Amino acid sequence: MDTRESETERVTRRLRDEILDGVRAPGERLVERELATALDVSRVPVREALKALVGEGLVTLRPRSWAVVRTFTDSDIADLLEVRTAFEPLTFRLAAERRTREGLDRLQATLDEHFEAATAGNAILARRKAADFHEQVTELASNELLVEIERPLRSRIRWLLAQHDDLLGVARQHRELFTAIANRDVDLADRLAGEHLAQAQQLLRGLRNPA
């Protein structure tokens, strides 16, 4: 195994999680030297990790060996919502048509973990599991082109899915969507996906424009 490659993956995963979990705030500087010292690696895997995260849309490069955590503008969020609105109902419809027993069991396990985290008030884990739920539904859709389209957007969509505080509300919506998929109820899955999107947009507006 290429040791440097494994270090790059580790650093990339660590920084990605810290950004998506809100540990590193938008606009925070990411300096190669400082990160290398903190993570006990050379600057090479840090540099490669930052480049990977630029490609994922989570980091913006700056000159002189530093970068910043991306700040998502209202325009960025509107673009993400448009893409999600275009693809998500299709994804849930296909998942309801094509789900397998094995895939459904994995989705059930993720949903159980989601509910457990939401009930315990573990926001970071609940949001991670909510995003896992959506990615597994994409896998259940069994459309390779859809997966190829989703993959480069995955980190930005995970960021978007984390922008809410209604942990149990989202978990309950996912349970309804799971039931529709399990029952192969394509029309219900489509309708619930639309309602889920509308609720997500409402939650997002509430966070960005508090009363």
C-alpha atoms as a PDB file:
ATOM      1  CA  MET A   1       0.000   0.000   0.000  1.00  0.00           C
ATOM      2  CA  ASP A   2       1.151   3.537  -0.764  1.00  0.00           C
ATOM      3  CA  THR A   3       1.699   5.098   2.689  1.00  0.00           C
ATOM      4  CA  ARG A   4       1.462   8.638   1.388  1.00  0.00           C
ATOM      5  CA  GLU A   5      -1.833   7.845  -0.321  1.00  0.00           C
ATOM      6  CA  SER A   6      -3.287   6.418   2.882  1.00  0.00           C
ATOM      7  CA  GLU A   7      -2.149   9.499   4.796  1.00  0.00           C
ATOM      8  CA  THR A   8      -3.794  11.719   2.199  1.00  0.00           C
ATOM      9  CA  GLU A   9      -7.058   9.830   2.551  1.00  0.00           C
ATOM     10  CA  ARG A  10      -6.885  10.073   6.327  1.00  0.00           C
ATOM     11  CA  VAL A  11      -6.190  13.802   6.287  1.00  0.00           C
ATOM     12  CA  THR A  12      -8.879  14.393   3.673  1.00  0.00           C
ATOM     13  CA  ARG A  13     -11.460  12.466   5.696  1.00  0.00           C
ATOM     14  CA  ARG A  14     -10.495  14.280   8.910  1.00  0.00           C
ATOM     15  CA  LEU A  15     -10.731  17.744   7.376  1.00  0.00           C
ATOM     16  CA  ARG A  16     -13.914  16.904   5.468  1.00  0.00           C
ATOM     17  CA  ASP A  17     -15.625  15.693   8.634  1.00  0.00           C
ATOM     18  CA  GLU A  18     -14.511  18.770  10.579  1.00  0.00           C
ATOM     19  CA  ILE A  19     -15.900  21.080   7.901  1.00  0.00           C
ATOM     20  CA  LEU A  20     -19.195  19.215   7.494  1.00  0.00           C
ATOM     21  CA  ASP A  21     -19.647  18.873  11.253  1.00  0.00           C
ATOM     22  CA  GLY A  22     -19.083  22.605  11.749  1.00  0.00           C
ATOM     23  CA  VAL A  23     -15.885  22.143  13.752  1.00  0.00           C
ATOM     24  CA  ARG A  24     -14.141  24.358  11.204  1.00  0.00           C
ATOM     25  CA  ALA A  25     -16.176  27.455  10.486  1.00  0.00           C
ATOM     26  CA  PRO A  26     -16.722  29.047   7.067  1.00  0.00           C
ATOM     27  CA  GLY A  27     -13.833  31.352   6.230  1.00  0.00           C
ATOM     28  CA  GLU A  28     -11.434  29.644   8.641  1.00  0.00           C
ATOM     29  CA  ARG A  29      -7.872  29.559   7.358  1.00  0.00           C
ATOM     30  CA  LEU A  30      -6.330  26.174   6.556  1.00  0.00           C
ATOM     31  CA  VAL A  31      -2.563  26.565   6.589  1.00  0.00           C
ATOM     32  CA  GLU A  32      -0.527  23.603   5.314  1.00  0.00           C
ATOM     33  CA  ARG A  33       2.231  23.961   7.884  1.00  0.00           C
ATOM     34  CA  GLU A  34      -0.144  24.257  10.830  1.00  0.00           C
ATOM     35  CA  LEU A  35      -2.320  21.371   9.685  1.00  0.00           C
ATOM     36  CA  ALA A  36       0.694  19.147   9.089  1.00  0.00           C
ATOM     37  CA  THR A  37       1.918  19.794  12.636  1.00  0.00           C
ATOM     38  CA  ALA A  38      -1.521  19.248  14.182  1.00  0.00           C
ATOM     39  CA  LEU A  39      -2.103  15.991  12.257  1.00  0.00           C
ATOM     40  CA  ASP A  40       1.489  14.754  12.601  1.00  0.00           C
ATOM     41  CA  VAL A  41       2.068  14.340   8.876  1.00  0.00           C
ATOM     42  CA  SER A  42       4.223  16.006   6.256  1.00  0.00           C
ATOM     43  CA  ARG A  43       2.870  18.909   4.232  1.00  0.00           C
ATOM     44  CA  VAL A  44       2.457  16.735   1.114  1.00  0.00           C
ATOM     45  CA  PRO A  45      -0.683  14.808   2.203  1.00  0.00           C
ATOM     46  CA  VAL A  46      -2.126  18.040   3.603  1.00  0.00           C
ATOM     47  CA  ARG A  47      -1.592  19.765   0.264  1.00  0.00           C
ATOM     48  CA  GLU A  48      -3.173  16.849  -1.583  1.00  0.00           C
ATOM     49  CA  ALA A  49      -6.091  16.747   0.864  1.00  0.00           C
ATOM     50  CA  LEU A  50      -6.773  20.449   0.393  1.00  0.00           C
ATOM     51  CA  LYS A  51      -6.761  19.996  -3.375  1.00  0.00           C
ATOM     52  CA  ALA A  52      -9.227  17.123  -3.021  1.00  0.00           C
ATOM     53  CA  LEU A  53     -11.509  19.245  -0.845  1.00  0.00           C
ATOM     54  CA  VAL A  54     -11.340  22.083  -3.358  1.00  0.00           C
ATOM     55  CA  GLY A  55     -12.604  19.577  -5.922  1.00  0.00           C
ATOM     56  CA  GLU A  56     -15.412  18.594  -3.552  1.00  0.00           C
ATOM     57  CA  GLY A  57     -16.435  22.225  -3.179  1.00  0.00           C
ATOM     58  CA  LEU A  58     -15.666  22.552   0.537  1.00  0.00           C
ATOM     59  CA  VAL A  59     -12.424  24.554   0.422  1.00  0.00           C
ATOM     60  CA  THR A  60     -11.247  27.621  -1.486  1.00  0.00           C
ATOM     61  CA  LEU A  61      -7.535  27.975  -2.235  1.00  0.00           C
ATOM     62  CA  ARG A  62      -5.619  31.142  -1.397  1.00  0.00           C
ATOM     63  CA  PRO A  63      -2.015  32.058  -2.305  1.00  0.00           C
ATOM     64  CA  ARG A  64       1.055  31.355  -0.146  1.00  0.00           C
ATOM     65  CA  SER A  65       0.184  27.817   0.963  1.00  0.00           C
ATOM     66  CA  TRP A  66      -3.090  28.429   2.739  1.00  0.00           C
ATOM     67  CA  ALA A  67      -6.755  28.008   2.011  1.00  0.00           C
ATOM     68  CA  VAL A  68     -10.098  28.737   3.649  1.00  0.00           C
ATOM     69  CA  VAL A  69     -13.200  26.752   4.491  1.00  0.00           C
ATOM     70  CA  ARG A  70     -15.743  27.658   1.859  1.00  0.00           C
ATOM     71  CA  THR A  71     -18.501  30.084   2.749  1.00  0.00           C
ATOM     72  CA  PHE A  72     -21.656  29.041   0.940  1.00  0.00           C
ATOM     73  CA  THR A  73     -23.472  32.081  -0.414  1.00  0.00           C
ATOM     74  CA  ASP A  74     -27.215  32.369  -0.913  1.00  0.00           C
ATOM     75  CA  SER A  75     -26.565  31.817  -4.617  1.00  0.00           C
ATOM     76  CA  ASP A  76     -24.562  28.637  -3.892  1.00  0.00           C
ATOM     77  CA  ILE A  77     -27.394  27.308  -1.737  1.00  0.00           C
ATOM     78  CA  ALA A  78     -30.022  28.162  -4.354  1.00  0.00           C
ATOM     79  CA  ASP A  79     -27.996  26.211  -6.941  1.00  0.00           C
ATOM     80  CA  LEU A  80     -27.728  23.199  -4.641  1.00  0.00           C
ATOM     81  CA  LEU A  81     -31.445  23.278  -3.894  1.00  0.00           C
ATOM     82  CA  GLU A  82     -32.286  23.405  -7.604  1.00  0.00           C
ATOM     83  CA  VAL A  83     -30.101  20.373  -8.292  1.00  0.00           C
ATOM     84  CA  ARG A  84     -31.504  18.501  -5.326  1.00  0.00           C
ATOM     85  CA  THR A  85     -35.063  19.326  -6.403  1.00  0.00           C
ATOM     86  CA  ALA A  86     -34.346  17.986  -9.885  1.00  0.00           C
ATOM     87  CA  PHE A  87     -32.790  14.686  -8.857  1.00  0.00           C
ATOM     88  CA  GLU A  88     -34.134  13.675  -5.453  1.00  0.00           C
ATOM     89  CA  PRO A  89     -37.726  12.762  -6.403  1.00  0.00           C
ATOM     90  CA  LEU A  90     -36.366  10.631  -9.260  1.00  0.00           C
ATOM     91  CA  THR A  91     -33.938   8.950  -6.860  1.00  0.00           C
ATOM     92  CA  PHE A  92     -36.675   8.014  -4.391  1.00  0.00           C
ATOM     93  CA  ARG A  93     -39.004   6.802  -7.153  1.00  0.00           C
ATOM     94  CA  LEU A  94     -36.323   4.532  -8.598  1.00  0.00           C
ATOM     95  CA  ALA A  95     -35.375   3.275  -5.141  1.00  0.00           C
ATOM     96  CA  ALA A  96     -39.009   2.311  -4.503  1.00  0.00           C
ATOM     97  CA  GLU A  97     -39.119   0.456  -7.817  1.00  0.00           C
ATOM     98  CA  ARG A  98     -35.767  -1.309  -7.569  1.00  0.00           C
ATOM     99  CA  ARG A  99     -34.850  -1.744  -3.914  1.00  0.00           C
ATOM    100  CA  THR A 100     -33.401  -5.083  -2.868  1.00  0.00           C
ATOM    101  CA  ARG A 101     -33.815  -6.886   0.422  1.00  0.00           C
ATOM    102  CA  GLU A 102     -30.138  -6.458   1.227  1.00  0.00           C
ATOM    103  CA  GLY A 103     -30.190  -2.753   0.392  1.00  0.00           C
ATOM    104  CA  LEU A 104     -33.350  -2.267   2.406  1.00  0.00           C
ATOM    105  CA  ASP A 105     -31.752  -3.930   5.426  1.00  0.00           C
ATOM    106  CA  ARG A 106     -28.777  -1.547   5.214  1.00  0.00           C
ATOM    107  CA  LEU A 107     -31.116   1.413   4.910  1.00  0.00           C
ATOM    108  CA  GLN A 108     -33.088   0.220   7.944  1.00  0.00           C
ATOM    109  CA  ALA A 109     -29.883  -0.040   9.988  1.00  0.00           C
ATOM    110  CA  THR A 110     -28.913   3.511   9.037  1.00  0.00           C
ATOM    111  CA  LEU A 111     -32.401   4.770   9.880  1.00  0.00           C
ATOM    112  CA  ASP A 112     -32.238   3.083  13.289  1.00  0.00           C
ATOM    113  CA  GLU A 113     -28.889   4.762  13.989  1.00  0.00           C
ATOM    114  CA  HIS A 114     -30.326   8.060  12.783  1.00  0.00           C
ATOM    115  CA  PHE A 115     -33.252   7.826  15.207  1.00  0.00           C
ATOM    116  CA  GLU A 116     -31.016   6.791  18.076  1.00  0.00           C
ATOM    117  CA  ALA A 117     -28.712   9.773  17.531  1.00  0.00           C
ATOM    118  CA  ALA A 118     -31.605  12.208  17.027  1.00  0.00           C
ATOM    119  CA  THR A 119     -33.380  10.993  20.168  1.00  0.00           C
ATOM    120  CA  ALA A 120     -30.160  11.393  22.170  1.00  0.00           C
ATOM    121  CA  GLY A 121     -29.665  14.899  20.800  1.00  0.00           C
ATOM    122  CA  ASN A 122     -26.395  13.934  19.118  1.00  0.00           C
ATOM    123  CA  ALA A 123     -26.620  16.495  16.315  1.00  0.00           C
ATOM    124  CA  ILE A 124     -23.371  15.620  14.572  1.00  0.00           C
ATOM    125  CA  LEU A 125     -24.129  11.903  14.336  1.00  0.00           C
ATOM    126  CA  ALA A 126     -27.805  12.463  13.483  1.00  0.00           C
ATOM    127  CA  ARG A 127     -26.862  14.741  10.581  1.00  0.00           C
ATOM    128  CA  ARG A 128     -24.239  12.292   9.363  1.00  0.00           C
ATOM    129  CA  LYS A 129     -26.732   9.440   9.395  1.00  0.00           C
ATOM    130  CA  ALA A 130     -29.338  11.578   7.629  1.00  0.00           C
ATOM    131  CA  ALA A 131     -26.831  12.172   4.827  1.00  0.00           C
ATOM    132  CA  ASP A 132     -25.919   8.465   4.803  1.00  0.00           C
ATOM    133  CA  PHE A 133     -29.622   7.699   4.366  1.00  0.00           C
ATOM    134  CA  HIS A 134     -29.814   9.835   1.231  1.00  0.00           C
ATOM    135  CA  GLU A 135     -26.659   8.311  -0.242  1.00  0.00           C
ATOM    136  CA  GLN A 136     -27.927   4.786   0.364  1.00  0.00           C
ATOM    137  CA  VAL A 137     -31.226   5.645  -1.313  1.00  0.00           C
ATOM    138  CA  THR A 138     -29.195   6.735  -4.338  1.00  0.00           C
ATOM    139  CA  GLU A 139     -27.508   3.323  -4.315  1.00  0.00           C
ATOM    140  CA  LEU A 140     -30.903   1.615  -4.093  1.00  0.00           C
ATOM    141  CA  ALA A 141     -31.995   3.496  -7.217  1.00  0.00           C
ATOM    142  CA  SER A 142     -29.591   1.245  -9.181  1.00  0.00           C
ATOM    143  CA  ASN A 143     -28.801   3.847 -11.824  1.00  0.00           C
ATOM    144  CA  GLU A 144     -25.058   4.152 -12.385  1.00  0.00           C
ATOM    145  CA  LEU A 145     -25.348   7.452 -14.226  1.00  0.00           C
ATOM    146  CA  LEU A 146     -27.290   8.922 -11.313  1.00  0.00           C
ATOM    147  CA  VAL A 147     -24.507   7.792  -8.955  1.00  0.00           C
ATOM    148  CA  GLU A 148     -21.870   9.327 -11.234  1.00  0.00           C
ATOM    149  CA  ILE A 149     -23.737  12.633 -11.226  1.00  0.00           C
ATOM    150  CA  GLU A 150     -24.234  12.538  -7.454  1.00  0.00           C
ATOM    151  CA  ARG A 151     -20.684  11.576  -6.482  1.00  0.00           C
ATOM    152  CA  PRO A 152     -18.865  14.880  -7.227  1.00  0.00           C
ATOM    153  CA  LEU A 153     -21.679  16.774  -5.483  1.00  0.00           C
ATOM    154  CA  ARG A 154     -21.743  14.499  -2.446  1.00  0.00           C
ATOM    155  CA  SER A 155     -19.821  16.677   0.003  1.00  0.00           C
ATOM    156  CA  ARG A 156     -21.766  19.816  -0.899  1.00  0.00           C
ATOM    157  CA  ILE A 157     -25.068  17.952  -0.582  1.00  0.00           C
ATOM    158  CA  ARG A 158     -23.965  16.561   2.793  1.00  0.00           C
ATOM    159  CA  TRP A 159     -23.227  20.128   3.889  1.00  0.00           C
ATOM    160  CA  LEU A 160     -26.672  21.233   2.723  1.00  0.00           C
ATOM    161  CA  LEU A 161     -28.394  18.331   4.493  1.00  0.00           C
ATOM    162  CA  ALA A 162     -26.701  19.331   7.757  1.00  0.00           C
ATOM    163  CA  GLN A 163     -28.196  22.829   7.777  1.00  0.00           C
ATOM    164  CA  HIS A 164     -31.048  22.191  10.196  1.00  0.00           C
ATOM    165  CA  ASP A 165     -31.774  21.726  13.896  1.00  0.00           C
ATOM    166  CA  ASP A 166     -34.917  19.571  13.629  1.00  0.00           C
ATOM    167  CA  LEU A 167     -33.157  16.268  14.258  1.00  0.00           C
ATOM    168  CA  LEU A 168     -36.236  14.206  15.120  1.00  0.00           C
ATOM    169  CA  GLY A 169     -38.408  15.840  12.473  1.00  0.00           C
ATOM    170  CA  VAL A 170     -36.002  14.852   9.712  1.00  0.00           C
ATOM    171  CA  ALA A 171     -35.689  11.347  11.145  1.00  0.00           C
ATOM    172  CA  ARG A 172     -39.479  10.952  11.084  1.00  0.00           C
ATOM    173  CA  GLN A 173     -39.624  12.096   7.461  1.00  0.00           C
ATOM    174  CA  HIS A 174     -36.940   9.555   6.598  1.00  0.00           C
ATOM    175  CA  ARG A 175     -38.968   6.833   8.316  1.00  0.00           C
ATOM    176  CA  GLU A 176     -41.972   7.672   6.124  1.00  0.00           C
ATOM    177  CA  LEU A 177     -39.777   7.623   3.021  1.00  0.00           C
ATOM    178  CA  PHE A 178     -38.292   4.292   4.091  1.00  0.00           C
ATOM    179  CA  THR A 179     -41.770   2.788   4.457  1.00  0.00           C
ATOM    180  CA  ALA A 180     -42.737   3.972   0.977  1.00  0.00           C
ATOM    181  CA  ILE A 181     -39.571   2.437  -0.480  1.00  0.00           C
ATOM    182  CA  ALA A 182     -40.058  -0.811   1.444  1.00  0.00           C
ATOM    183  CA  ASN A 183     -43.652  -1.071   0.165  1.00  0.00           C
ATOM    184  CA  ARG A 184     -42.590  -0.236  -3.406  1.00  0.00           C
ATOM    185  CA  ASP A 185     -45.076   2.642  -3.303  1.00  0.00           C
ATOM    186  CA  VAL A 186     -43.578   4.776  -6.064  1.00  0.00           C
ATOM    187  CA  ASP A 187     -46.248   7.493  -6.020  1.00  0.00           C
ATOM    188  CA  LEU A 188     -45.996   7.910  -2.254  1.00  0.00           C
ATOM    189  CA  ALA A 189     -42.205   8.000  -2.385  1.00  0.00           C
ATOM    190  CA  ASP A 190     -42.389  10.738  -5.014  1.00  0.00           C
ATOM    191  CA  ARG A 191     -44.866  12.798  -2.994  1.00  0.00           C
ATOM    192  CA  LEU A 192     -42.961  12.404   0.263  1.00  0.00           C
ATOM    193  CA  ALA A 193     -39.705  13.348  -1.427  1.00  0.00           C
ATOM    194  CA  GLY A 194     -41.300  16.586  -2.589  1.00  0.00           C
ATOM    195  CA  GLU A 195     -42.609  17.310   0.903  1.00  0.00           C
ATOM    196  CA  HIS A 196     -39.200  16.482   2.376  1.00  0.00           C
ATOM    197  CA  LEU A 197     -37.553  18.992   0.046  1.00  0.00           C
ATOM    198  CA  ALA A 198     -40.093  21.685   0.895  1.00  0.00           C
ATOM    199  CA  GLN A 199     -39.574  21.125   4.627  1.00  0.00           C
ATOM    200  CA  ALA A 200     -35.795  21.217   4.192  1.00  0.00           C
ATOM    201  CA  GLN A 201     -36.018  24.574   2.434  1.00  0.00           C
ATOM    202  CA  GLN A 202     -38.236  25.923   5.202  1.00  0.00           C
ATOM    203  CA  LEU A 203     -35.770  24.788   7.875  1.00  0.00           C
ATOM    204  CA  LEU A 204     -32.900  26.333   5.942  1.00  0.00           C
ATOM    205  CA  ARG A 205     -34.686  29.663   5.636  1.00  0.00           C
ATOM    206  CA  GLY A 206     -35.362  29.610   9.365  1.00  0.00           C
ATOM    207  CA  LEU A 207     -31.673  29.118  10.162  1.00  0.00           C
ATOM    208  CA  ARG A 208     -30.433  31.791   7.771  1.00  0.00           C
ATOM    209  CA  ASN A 209     -33.177  34.304   8.575  1.00  0.00           C
ATOM    210  CA  PRO A 210     -33.993  33.877  12.271  1.00  0.00           C
ATOM    211  CA  ALA A 211     -36.889  35.914  13.629  1.00  0.00           C
END
